[in-house]
C-alpha cells in the first residue's frame, strides 16, 4: 500500500493488463513502480508539507498528513520515513 493505494507490479504501468512472466518485463515493472513511489513521496508528500504553511489550505493539508501518518509511514523506506517525520514535525510547529 502506498498512501492507501495498492501498488501492485504492472498495475500502474500504462497499457499493461497482467503480469508478464519474462524476467526483463518484471524488472521493468519493478523499476517503473519504484520511480512512481519515489516521485509520489517527493512531490505529493514532501513538497506539500513544505508548502503547507503558505497555502490557503495549509491546515487541511497538515491535518491530512497527521491523520494518515501511520499508513504513509508503512509504505516508506526507513530514510523516507525519517524525512517525513521531520517535515511533519516542522510543519506542525510552524502551524501552531
Protein backbone atom coordinates (compact mmCIF):
# COMPACT_ATOMS: atom_id res chain seq x y z
CA UNK A 1 0.00 0.00 0.00
CA UNK A 2 1.20 3.50 -0.73
CA UNK A 3 -0.88 6.28 0.70
CA UNK A 4 -3.93 3.99 0.79
CA UNK A 5 -3.49 2.77 -2.80
CA UNK A 6 -2.33 -0.75 -3.53
CA UNK A 7 0.74 -0.55 -5.75
CA UNK A 8 0.99 -3.96 -7.35
CA UNK A 9 3.59 -4.54 -10.04
CA UNK A 10 2.30 -3.74 -13.53
CA UNK A 11 -0.85 -2.26 -12.05
CA UNK A 12 0.40 1.29 -12.52
CA UNK A 13 2.19 0.66 -15.78
CA UNK A 14 0.30 2.28 -18.66
CA UNK A 15 -1.05 -0.22 -21.16
CA UNK A 16 -0.42 -3.33 -19.05
CA UNK A 17 -3.25 -5.63 -18.05
CA UNK A 18 -1.47 -8.54 -16.42
CA UNK A 19 1.95 -9.58 -15.20
CA UNK A 20 4.24 -11.00 -17.84
CA UNK A 21 6.45 -13.85 -16.73
CA UNK A 22 9.61 -12.75 -18.51
CA UNK A 23 12.28 -11.51 -16.10
CA UNK A 24 13.03 -8.38 -18.09
CA UNK A 25 9.36 -7.37 -18.19
CA UNK A 26 9.01 -7.82 -14.44
CA UNK A 27 12.26 -5.92 -13.88
CA UNK A 28 10.97 -3.00 -15.96
CA UNK A 29 7.73 -3.07 -13.99
CA UNK A 30 9.60 -3.03 -10.68
CA UNK A 31 11.69 -0.09 -11.84
CA UNK A 32 8.61 1.81 -13.02
CA UNK A 33 6.80 1.22 -9.72
CA UNK A 34 9.85 2.32 -7.71
CA UNK A 35 10.09 5.54 -9.72
CA UNK A 36 6.38 6.25 -9.17
CA UNK A 37 6.72 5.66 -5.42
CA UNK A 38 9.80 7.90 -5.13
CA UNK A 39 8.17 10.72 -7.08
CA UNK A 40 4.94 10.41 -5.10
CA UNK A 41 6.93 10.77 -1.90
CA UNK A 42 8.91 13.72 -3.24
CA UNK A 43 6.13 15.73 -4.87
CA UNK A 44 2.83 14.62 -3.34
CA UNK A 45 4.02 14.38 0.26
CA UNK A 46 7.22 16.31 0.95
CA UNK A 47 6.50 19.19 -1.42
CA UNK A 48 3.03 19.67 0.06
CA UNK A 49 4.38 19.62 3.62
CA UNK A 50 6.96 22.25 2.69
CA UNK A 51 4.31 24.48 1.11
CA UNK A 52 1.51 23.98 3.63
CA UNK A 53 2.47 26.93 5.83
CA UNK A 54 1.97 29.35 2.93
CA UNK A 55 -1.02 27.60 1.41
CA UNK A 56 -4.63 28.68 1.76
CA UNK A 57 -5.45 25.06 2.66
CA UNK A 58 -2.32 24.53 4.76
CA UNK A 59 -4.22 23.47 7.87
CA UNK A 60 -6.16 20.89 5.84
CA UNK A 61 -3.01 19.55 4.18
CA UNK A 62 -1.22 19.27 7.52
CA UNK A 63 -4.17 17.56 9.19
CA UNK A 64 -4.44 15.10 6.29
CA UNK A 65 -0.83 14.00 6.75
CA UNK A 66 -1.22 13.85 10.53
CA UNK A 67 -4.26 11.58 10.23
CA UNK A 68 -2.70 9.37 7.54
CA UNK A 69 0.75 9.27 9.17
CA UNK A 70 0.70 5.58 10.11
CA UNK A 71 -0.48 4.38 6.69
CA UNK A 72 2.02 6.61 4.90
CA UNK A 73 4.93 5.52 7.08
CA UNK A 74 4.23 1.83 6.38
CA UNK A 75 4.89 2.41 2.69
CA UNK A 76 8.11 4.40 3.01
CA UNK A 77 11.72 3.35 3.22
CA UNK A 78 13.46 3.95 6.53
CA UNK A 79 15.19 7.08 5.20
CA UNK A 80 11.96 8.44 3.71
CA UNK A 81 10.09 7.76 6.97
CA UNK A 82 12.67 9.74 8.95
CA UNK A 83 12.45 12.62 6.47
CA UNK A 84 8.64 12.53 6.61
CA UNK A 85 8.54 12.61 10.43
CA UNK A 86 10.96 15.54 10.50
CA UNK A 87 8.98 17.51 7.88
CA UNK A 88 5.66 16.76 9.61
CA UNK A 89 7.05 17.97 12.95
CA UNK A 90 8.47 21.13 11.38
CA UNK A 91 5.16 21.89 9.62
CA UNK A 92 3.24 21.26 12.84
CA UNK A 93 5.44 23.68 14.79
CA UNK A 94 5.04 26.35 12.13
CA UNK A 95 1.27 25.94 12.13
CA UNK A 96 0.94 26.21 15.91
